[in-house]
């Protein structure tokens, strides 16, 4: 599958989204529709039992990779916790852990079985990627997302050891800097993302950045060769 916009999978204009960013519902999670959504500044986010909901919020959280904040505690963790990292080595495990790990003040997950299968399919096609953090041969943190042009669309992360997901995020930033990726789309504001250096921009500015980034070729395929160990 090659990336290309198609009227078959077209969405309504994003300025038709409501005040919270909800734009449309229904459709499917086929690779073509997901890629069309990301190209259009839209992402799916819903819970089991709901129709597929498509969002384009008025404010978008992005992180420019050279602005990632390495805190003092993260520097200590990198030095002292024996972390190692891999890319695209345990994609299915990462997305499963993102779906099932317990989170404070969150009783359910938006990573439904259908979403799980859809992103595994995107991974097989070379569009979706995972960054894994390991400690003593055990997967302790990670994140996954989608890469198109010069943008990485972050989807979710998990951690079972303090700073493990931040370590994986740090490695993502090092990777995208090396490969001239312009920014990481973090979707929605959280204090955690802000602490890592992500900032909010308005939708129009986001779309300008997105169109510039999508003008470049995709970094397709498996990224496994970029790592320092793991299992």
C-alpha atoms as a PDB file:
ATOM      1  CA  UNK A   1       0.000   0.000   0.000  1.00  0.00           C
ATOM      2  CA  UNK A   2       1.303   3.426  -0.964  1.00  0.00           C
ATOM      3  CA  UNK A   3       0.156   6.581   0.757  1.00  0.00           C
ATOM      4  CA  UNK A   4      -2.191   8.667  -1.321  1.00  0.00           C
ATOM      5  CA  UNK A   5      -5.292  10.731  -0.645  1.00  0.00           C
ATOM      6  CA  UNK A   6      -8.508   9.252  -1.975  1.00  0.00           C
ATOM      7  CA  UNK A   7     -11.996  10.666  -2.241  1.00  0.00           C
ATOM      8  CA  UNK A   8     -13.271   7.205  -1.275  1.00  0.00           C
ATOM      9  CA  UNK A   9     -11.951   7.763   2.247  1.00  0.00           C
ATOM     10  CA  UNK A  10     -12.489  11.530   2.405  1.00  0.00           C
ATOM     11  CA  UNK A  11     -13.682  13.183   5.625  1.00  0.00           C
ATOM     12  CA  UNK A  12     -15.796  16.307   6.132  1.00  0.00           C
ATOM     13  CA  UNK A  13     -13.838  19.594   6.257  1.00  0.00           C
ATOM     14  CA  UNK A  14     -12.180  19.861   9.655  1.00  0.00           C
ATOM     15  CA  UNK A  15     -13.726  23.272  10.345  1.00  0.00           C
ATOM     16  CA  UNK A  16     -17.045  21.414  10.685  1.00  0.00           C
ATOM     17  CA  UNK A  17     -15.841  19.761  13.922  1.00  0.00           C
ATOM     18  CA  UNK A  18     -17.720  20.736  17.066  1.00  0.00           C
ATOM     19  CA  UNK A  19     -16.163  22.808  19.857  1.00  0.00           C
ATOM     20  CA  UNK A  20     -14.498  19.707  21.324  1.00  0.00           C
ATOM     21  CA  UNK A  21     -13.129  18.560  17.984  1.00  0.00           C
ATOM     22  CA  UNK A  22     -15.588  15.770  17.169  1.00  0.00           C
ATOM     23  CA  UNK A  23     -15.897  15.727  13.388  1.00  0.00           C
ATOM     24  CA  UNK A  24     -17.516  12.458  12.289  1.00  0.00           C
ATOM     25  CA  UNK A  25     -18.492   8.981  13.354  1.00  0.00           C
ATOM     26  CA  UNK A  26     -18.762   5.588  11.703  1.00  0.00           C
ATOM     27  CA  UNK A  27     -16.757   4.176   8.821  1.00  0.00           C
ATOM     28  CA  UNK A  28     -14.038   1.629   9.422  1.00  0.00           C
ATOM     29  CA  UNK A  29     -10.426   1.313  10.534  1.00  0.00           C
ATOM     30  CA  UNK A  30      -8.976   0.137   7.245  1.00  0.00           C
ATOM     31  CA  UNK A  31      -5.380   1.179   6.541  1.00  0.00           C
ATOM     32  CA  UNK A  32      -6.567   3.454   3.732  1.00  0.00           C
ATOM     33  CA  UNK A  33      -9.066   5.272   5.934  1.00  0.00           C
ATOM     34  CA  UNK A  34      -6.614   5.656   8.819  1.00  0.00           C
ATOM     35  CA  UNK A  35      -3.918   7.074   6.543  1.00  0.00           C
ATOM     36  CA  UNK A  36      -6.464   9.430   4.970  1.00  0.00           C
ATOM     37  CA  UNK A  37      -7.477  10.577   8.452  1.00  0.00           C
ATOM     38  CA  UNK A  38      -3.918  11.346   9.542  1.00  0.00           C
ATOM     39  CA  UNK A  39      -3.253  13.164   6.257  1.00  0.00           C
ATOM     40  CA  UNK A  40      -6.335  15.285   6.970  1.00  0.00           C
ATOM     41  CA  UNK A  41      -5.405  16.189  10.557  1.00  0.00           C
ATOM     42  CA  UNK A  42      -7.900  13.711  12.043  1.00  0.00           C
ATOM     43  CA  UNK A  43      -7.524  10.754  14.412  1.00  0.00           C
ATOM     44  CA  UNK A  44      -9.867   8.059  15.813  1.00  0.00           C
ATOM     45  CA  UNK A  45     -10.662   7.961  19.523  1.00  0.00           C
ATOM     46  CA  UNK A  46     -13.561   6.056  21.023  1.00  0.00           C
ATOM     47  CA  UNK A  47     -14.437   3.381  23.566  1.00  0.00           C
ATOM     48  CA  UNK A  48     -15.845  -0.118  23.200  1.00  0.00           C
ATOM     49  CA  UNK A  49     -19.570   0.022  22.466  1.00  0.00           C
ATOM     50  CA  UNK A  50     -19.359   3.398  20.717  1.00  0.00           C
ATOM     51  CA  UNK A  51     -19.219   3.973  16.970  1.00  0.00           C
ATOM     52  CA  UNK A  52     -15.792   4.963  15.650  1.00  0.00           C
ATOM     53  CA  UNK A  53     -15.378   8.651  16.509  1.00  0.00           C
ATOM     54  CA  UNK A  54     -13.106  10.891  14.429  1.00  0.00           C
ATOM     55  CA  UNK A  55     -11.543  14.015  15.956  1.00  0.00           C
ATOM     56  CA  UNK A  56      -9.828  17.206  14.855  1.00  0.00           C
ATOM     57  CA  UNK A  57      -9.521  19.320  18.026  1.00  0.00           C
ATOM     58  CA  UNK A  58      -9.212  23.120  17.875  1.00  0.00           C
ATOM     59  CA  UNK A  59      -5.906  22.910  19.740  1.00  0.00           C
ATOM     60  CA  UNK A  60      -3.250  20.331  18.959  1.00  0.00           C
ATOM     61  CA  UNK A  61      -0.389  19.178  21.171  1.00  0.00           C
ATOM     62  CA  UNK A  62       2.893  18.806  19.290  1.00  0.00           C
ATOM     63  CA  UNK A  63       6.486  18.230  20.270  1.00  0.00           C
ATOM     64  CA  UNK A  64       9.395  19.486  18.211  1.00  0.00           C
ATOM     65  CA  UNK A  65      12.028  16.792  18.773  1.00  0.00           C
ATOM     66  CA  UNK A  66      14.867  19.186  19.543  1.00  0.00           C
ATOM     67  CA  UNK A  67      12.762  20.640  22.382  1.00  0.00           C
ATOM     68  CA  UNK A  68      12.306  17.400  24.309  1.00  0.00           C
ATOM     69  CA  UNK A  69      13.053  18.122  27.973  1.00  0.00           C
ATOM     70  CA  UNK A  70      15.398  15.645  29.632  1.00  0.00           C
ATOM     71  CA  UNK A  71      14.762  16.130  33.339  1.00  0.00           C
ATOM     72  CA  UNK A  72      17.406  15.537  35.978  1.00  0.00           C
ATOM     73  CA  UNK A  73      15.569  12.416  37.159  1.00  0.00           C
ATOM     74  CA  UNK A  74      15.392  11.025  33.608  1.00  0.00           C
ATOM     75  CA  UNK A  75      19.129  11.604  33.157  1.00  0.00           C
ATOM     76  CA  UNK A  76      19.708   9.638  36.336  1.00  0.00           C
ATOM     77  CA  UNK A  77      17.406   6.852  35.157  1.00  0.00           C
ATOM     78  CA  UNK A  78      19.214   6.625  31.822  1.00  0.00           C
ATOM     79  CA  UNK A  79      22.519   6.291  33.671  1.00  0.00           C
ATOM     80  CA  UNK A  80      21.476   4.039  36.533  1.00  0.00           C
ATOM     81  CA  UNK A  81      18.486   1.881  35.639  1.00  0.00           C
ATOM     82  CA  UNK A  82      20.086  -0.312  32.990  1.00  0.00           C
ATOM     83  CA  UNK A  83      17.565   0.536  30.286  1.00  0.00           C
ATOM     84  CA  UNK A  84      18.068  -0.613  26.717  1.00  0.00           C
ATOM     85  CA  UNK A  85      15.853   0.109  23.755  1.00  0.00           C
ATOM     86  CA  UNK A  86      14.637  -1.377  20.497  1.00  0.00           C
ATOM     87  CA  UNK A  87      12.417  -0.290  17.624  1.00  0.00           C
ATOM     88  CA  UNK A  88       9.703  -2.413  15.999  1.00  0.00           C
ATOM     89  CA  UNK A  89      10.790  -5.481  17.947  1.00  0.00           C
ATOM     90  CA  UNK A  90       7.668  -5.961  20.074  1.00  0.00           C
ATOM     91  CA  UNK A  91       4.930  -3.898  18.414  1.00  0.00           C
ATOM     92  CA  UNK A  92       2.078  -6.212  19.352  1.00  0.00           C
ATOM     93  CA  UNK A  93       3.273  -6.438  22.950  1.00  0.00           C
ATOM     94  CA  UNK A  94       3.549  -2.649  23.206  1.00  0.00           C
ATOM     95  CA  UNK A  95       0.043  -1.960  21.898  1.00  0.00           C
ATOM     96  CA  UNK A  96      -1.377  -4.686  24.152  1.00  0.00           C
ATOM     97  CA  UNK A  97       0.353  -3.214  27.201  1.00  0.00           C
ATOM     98  CA  UNK A  98      -0.825   0.282  26.268  1.00  0.00           C
ATOM     99  CA  UNK A  99      -4.373  -1.099  26.217  1.00  0.00           C
ATOM    100  CA  UNK A 100      -4.205  -3.063  29.467  1.00  0.00           C
ATOM    101  CA  UNK A 101      -1.826  -1.257  31.837  1.00  0.00           C
ATOM    102  CA  UNK A 102      -3.619   0.292  34.807  1.00  0.00           C
ATOM    103  CA  UNK A 103      -3.766   4.081  34.711  1.00  0.00           C
ATOM    104  CA  UNK A 104      -4.764   6.512  37.424  1.00  0.00           C
ATOM    105  CA  UNK A 105      -8.359   7.792  37.074  1.00  0.00           C
ATOM    106  CA  UNK A 106      -8.982   5.661  33.978  1.00  0.00           C
ATOM    107  CA  UNK A 107     -11.309   2.663  34.151  1.00  0.00           C
ATOM    108  CA  UNK A 108     -11.446   1.740  30.468  1.00  0.00           C
ATOM    109  CA  UNK A 109      -9.291   1.928  27.349  1.00  0.00           C
ATOM    110  CA  UNK A 110      -9.841   3.519  23.966  1.00  0.00           C
ATOM    111  CA  UNK A 111      -7.565   0.895  22.395  1.00  0.00           C
ATOM    112  CA  UNK A 112     -10.352  -1.507  21.502  1.00  0.00           C
ATOM    113  CA  UNK A 113      -9.760  -4.905  19.934  1.00  0.00           C
ATOM    114  CA  UNK A 114     -10.600  -3.353  16.555  1.00  0.00           C
ATOM    115  CA  UNK A 115      -8.066  -0.553  17.092  1.00  0.00           C
ATOM    116  CA  UNK A 116      -5.476  -3.107  18.148  1.00  0.00           C
ATOM    117  CA  UNK A 117      -5.936  -5.109  14.947  1.00  0.00           C
ATOM    118  CA  UNK A 118      -5.990  -1.979  12.780  1.00  0.00           C
ATOM    119  CA  UNK A 119      -2.650  -0.655  14.034  1.00  0.00           C
ATOM    120  CA  UNK A 120      -1.014  -4.070  13.847  1.00  0.00           C
ATOM    121  CA  UNK A 121      -2.080  -4.052  10.189  1.00  0.00           C
ATOM    122  CA  UNK A 122      -0.528  -0.585   9.735  1.00  0.00           C
ATOM    123  CA  UNK A 123       2.638  -1.907  11.356  1.00  0.00           C
ATOM    124  CA  UNK A 124       2.737  -4.824   8.923  1.00  0.00           C
ATOM    125  CA  UNK A 125       2.435  -2.328   6.066  1.00  0.00           C
ATOM    126  CA  UNK A 126       5.351  -0.277   7.440  1.00  0.00           C
ATOM    127  CA  UNK A 127       3.393   2.792   8.618  1.00  0.00           C
ATOM    128  CA  UNK A 128       3.126   2.111  12.371  1.00  0.00           C
ATOM    129  CA  UNK A 129       6.108   1.712  14.678  1.00  0.00           C
ATOM    130  CA  UNK A 130       6.946   1.002  18.303  1.00  0.00           C
ATOM    131  CA  UNK A 131       9.792   2.065  20.564  1.00  0.00           C
ATOM    132  CA  UNK A 132      10.481  -0.352  23.398  1.00  0.00           C
ATOM    133  CA  UNK A 133      12.264   0.098  26.729  1.00  0.00           C
ATOM    134  CA  UNK A 134      13.790  -2.982  28.363  1.00  0.00           C
ATOM    135  CA  UNK A 135      15.284  -3.700  31.747  1.00  0.00           C
ATOM    136  CA  UNK A 136      17.036  -7.006  32.451  1.00  0.00           C
ATOM    137  CA  UNK A 137      15.435  -8.483  29.336  1.00  0.00           C
ATOM    138  CA  UNK A 138      11.911  -7.471  30.374  1.00  0.00           C
ATOM    139  CA  UNK A 139       9.673  -5.056  28.477  1.00  0.00           C
ATOM    140  CA  UNK A 140       9.028  -2.241  30.973  1.00  0.00           C
ATOM    141  CA  UNK A 141       7.886   0.646  28.785  1.00  0.00           C
ATOM    142  CA  UNK A 142       7.164   1.719  25.272  1.00  0.00           C
ATOM    143  CA  UNK A 143       5.108   3.719  22.834  1.00  0.00           C
ATOM    144  CA  UNK A 144       3.672   3.353  19.360  1.00  0.00           C
ATOM    145  CA  UNK A 145       2.482   5.621  16.579  1.00  0.00           C
ATOM    146  CA  UNK A 146       2.244   6.225  12.849  1.00  0.00           C
ATOM    147  CA  UNK A 147       4.844   7.746  10.545  1.00  0.00           C
ATOM    148  CA  UNK A 148       3.892   9.661   7.371  1.00  0.00           C
ATOM    149  CA  UNK A 149       6.189  12.043   5.536  1.00  0.00           C
ATOM    150  CA  UNK A 150       8.134  13.974   8.166  1.00  0.00           C
ATOM    151  CA  UNK A 151       5.667  13.629  11.035  1.00  0.00           C
ATOM    152  CA  UNK A 152       5.286  10.949  13.693  1.00  0.00           C
ATOM    153  CA  UNK A 153       1.753  10.655  15.083  1.00  0.00           C
ATOM    154  CA  UNK A 154       2.081   9.393  18.641  1.00  0.00           C
ATOM    155  CA  UNK A 155      -0.777   7.184  19.807  1.00  0.00           C
ATOM    156  CA  UNK A 156      -0.100   5.786  23.270  1.00  0.00           C
ATOM    157  CA  UNK A 157       2.627   4.852  25.733  1.00  0.00           C
ATOM    158  CA  UNK A 158       2.937   2.698  28.826  1.00  0.00           C
ATOM    159  CA  UNK A 159       5.357   2.166  31.676  1.00  0.00           C
ATOM    160  CA  UNK A 160       5.667  -0.402  34.447  1.00  0.00           C
ATOM    161  CA  UNK A 161       8.930   1.055  35.769  1.00  0.00           C
ATOM    162  CA  UNK A 162       9.452   4.707  36.617  1.00  0.00           C
ATOM    163  CA  UNK A 163      10.749   6.720  33.625  1.00  0.00           C
ATOM    164  CA  UNK A 164      10.615   3.746  31.199  1.00  0.00           C
ATOM    165  CA  UNK A 165       8.095   5.387  28.862  1.00  0.00           C
ATOM    166  CA  UNK A 166      10.014   8.679  29.049  1.00  0.00           C
ATOM    167  CA  UNK A 167      13.138   6.771  28.078  1.00  0.00           C
ATOM    168  CA  UNK A 168      11.328   5.296  25.065  1.00  0.00           C
ATOM    169  CA  UNK A 169      10.078   8.789  24.162  1.00  0.00           C
ATOM    170  CA  UNK A 170      13.619  10.134  24.454  1.00  0.00           C
ATOM    171  CA  UNK A 171      14.818   7.461  22.013  1.00  0.00           C
ATOM    172  CA  UNK A 172      11.975   8.345  19.638  1.00  0.00           C
ATOM    173  CA  UNK A 173      13.116  11.969  19.678  1.00  0.00           C
ATOM    174  CA  UNK A 174      16.708  10.962  18.953  1.00  0.00           C
ATOM    175  CA  UNK A 175      15.511   8.806  16.074  1.00  0.00           C
ATOM    176  CA  UNK A 176      13.299  11.437  14.464  1.00  0.00           C
ATOM    177  CA  UNK A 177      16.027  14.068  14.764  1.00  0.00           C
ATOM    178  CA  UNK A 178      18.378  11.727  12.917  1.00  0.00           C
ATOM    179  CA  UNK A 179      15.805  11.189  10.169  1.00  0.00           C
ATOM    180  CA  UNK A 180      14.712  14.836   9.778  1.00  0.00           C
ATOM    181  CA  UNK A 181      11.171  14.298  11.058  1.00  0.00           C
ATOM    182  CA  UNK A 182       9.733  17.746  11.733  1.00  0.00           C
ATOM    183  CA  UNK A 183       7.467  17.130  14.714  1.00  0.00           C
ATOM    184  CA  UNK A 184       5.663  14.567  16.834  1.00  0.00           C
ATOM    185  CA  UNK A 185       1.892  14.895  16.980  1.00  0.00           C
ATOM    186  CA  UNK A 186       0.792  14.281  20.593  1.00  0.00           C
ATOM    187  CA  UNK A 187      -2.892  14.994  19.839  1.00  0.00           C
ATOM    188  CA  UNK A 188      -4.281  16.405  23.115  1.00  0.00           C
ATOM    189  CA  UNK A 189      -2.861  18.396  26.024  1.00  0.00           C
ATOM    190  CA  UNK A 190      -1.727  16.633  29.174  1.00  0.00           C
ATOM    191  CA  UNK A 191       0.486  17.934  31.957  1.00  0.00           C
ATOM    192  CA  UNK A 192       2.774  14.957  31.360  1.00  0.00           C
ATOM    193  CA  UNK A 193       3.323  15.857  27.704  1.00  0.00           C
ATOM    194  CA  UNK A 194       3.852  19.511  28.596  1.00  0.00           C
ATOM    195  CA  UNK A 195       6.526  18.474  31.096  1.00  0.00           C
ATOM    196  CA  UNK A 196       8.353  16.725  28.243  1.00  0.00           C
ATOM    197  CA  UNK A 197       8.377  19.869  26.109  1.00  0.00           C
ATOM    198  CA  UNK A 198       5.224  19.500  24.016  1.00  0.00           C
ATOM    199  CA  UNK A 199       3.231  22.656  23.259  1.00  0.00           C
ATOM    200  CA  UNK A 200      -0.277  23.474  22.095  1.00  0.00           C
ATOM    201  CA  UNK A 201      -0.836  25.125  18.729  1.00  0.00           C
ATOM    202  CA  UNK A 202      -4.098  25.991  17.010  1.00  0.00           C
ATOM    203  CA  UNK A 203      -5.579  23.788  14.322  1.00  0.00           C
ATOM    204  CA  UNK A 204      -4.745  26.092  11.409  1.00  0.00           C
ATOM    205  CA  UNK A 205      -1.080  26.230  12.392  1.00  0.00           C
ATOM    206  CA  UNK A 206      -1.068  22.471  12.856  1.00  0.00           C
ATOM    207  CA  UNK A 207      -2.498  21.923   9.369  1.00  0.00           C
ATOM    208  CA  UNK A 208       0.178  24.158   7.833  1.00  0.00           C
ATOM    209  CA  UNK A 209       2.911  22.140   9.558  1.00  0.00           C
ATOM    210  CA  UNK A 210       1.232  18.888   8.580  1.00  0.00           C
ATOM    211  CA  UNK A 211       0.967  19.715   4.885  1.00  0.00           C
ATOM    212  CA  UNK A 212       4.619  20.751   4.790  1.00  0.00           C
ATOM    213  CA  UNK A 213       5.666  17.501   6.475  1.00  0.00           C
ATOM    214  CA  UNK A 214       3.514  15.304   4.223  1.00  0.00           C
ATOM    215  CA  UNK A 215       5.200  16.666   1.114  1.00  0.00           C
ATOM    216  CA  UNK A 216       8.196  14.426   1.883  1.00  0.00           C
ATOM    217  CA  UNK A 217       8.492  10.678   1.230  1.00  0.00           C
ATOM    218  CA  UNK A 218       7.410   8.237   3.913  1.00  0.00           C
ATOM    219  CA  UNK A 219      10.000   6.421   6.008  1.00  0.00           C
ATOM    220  CA  UNK A 220       8.317   3.101   5.294  1.00  0.00           C
ATOM    221  CA  UNK A 221       9.253  -0.365   6.492  1.00  0.00           C
ATOM    222  CA  UNK A 222      10.575  -1.832   9.707  1.00  0.00           C
ATOM    223  CA  UNK A 223      12.909   0.305  11.800  1.00  0.00           C
ATOM    224  CA  UNK A 224      14.417  -2.604  13.780  1.00  0.00           C
ATOM    225  CA  UNK A 225      18.052  -1.953  12.913  1.00  0.00           C
ATOM    226  CA  UNK A 226      18.006   1.220  15.045  1.00  0.00           C
ATOM    227  CA  UNK A 227      18.447   0.025  18.646  1.00  0.00           C
ATOM    228  CA  UNK A 228      20.960  -0.725  21.368  1.00  0.00           C
ATOM    229  CA  UNK A 229      19.840  -4.111  22.565  1.00  0.00           C
ATOM    230  CA  UNK A 230      16.627  -5.250  24.228  1.00  0.00           C
ATOM    231  CA  UNK A 231      15.807  -8.864  24.849  1.00  0.00           C
END
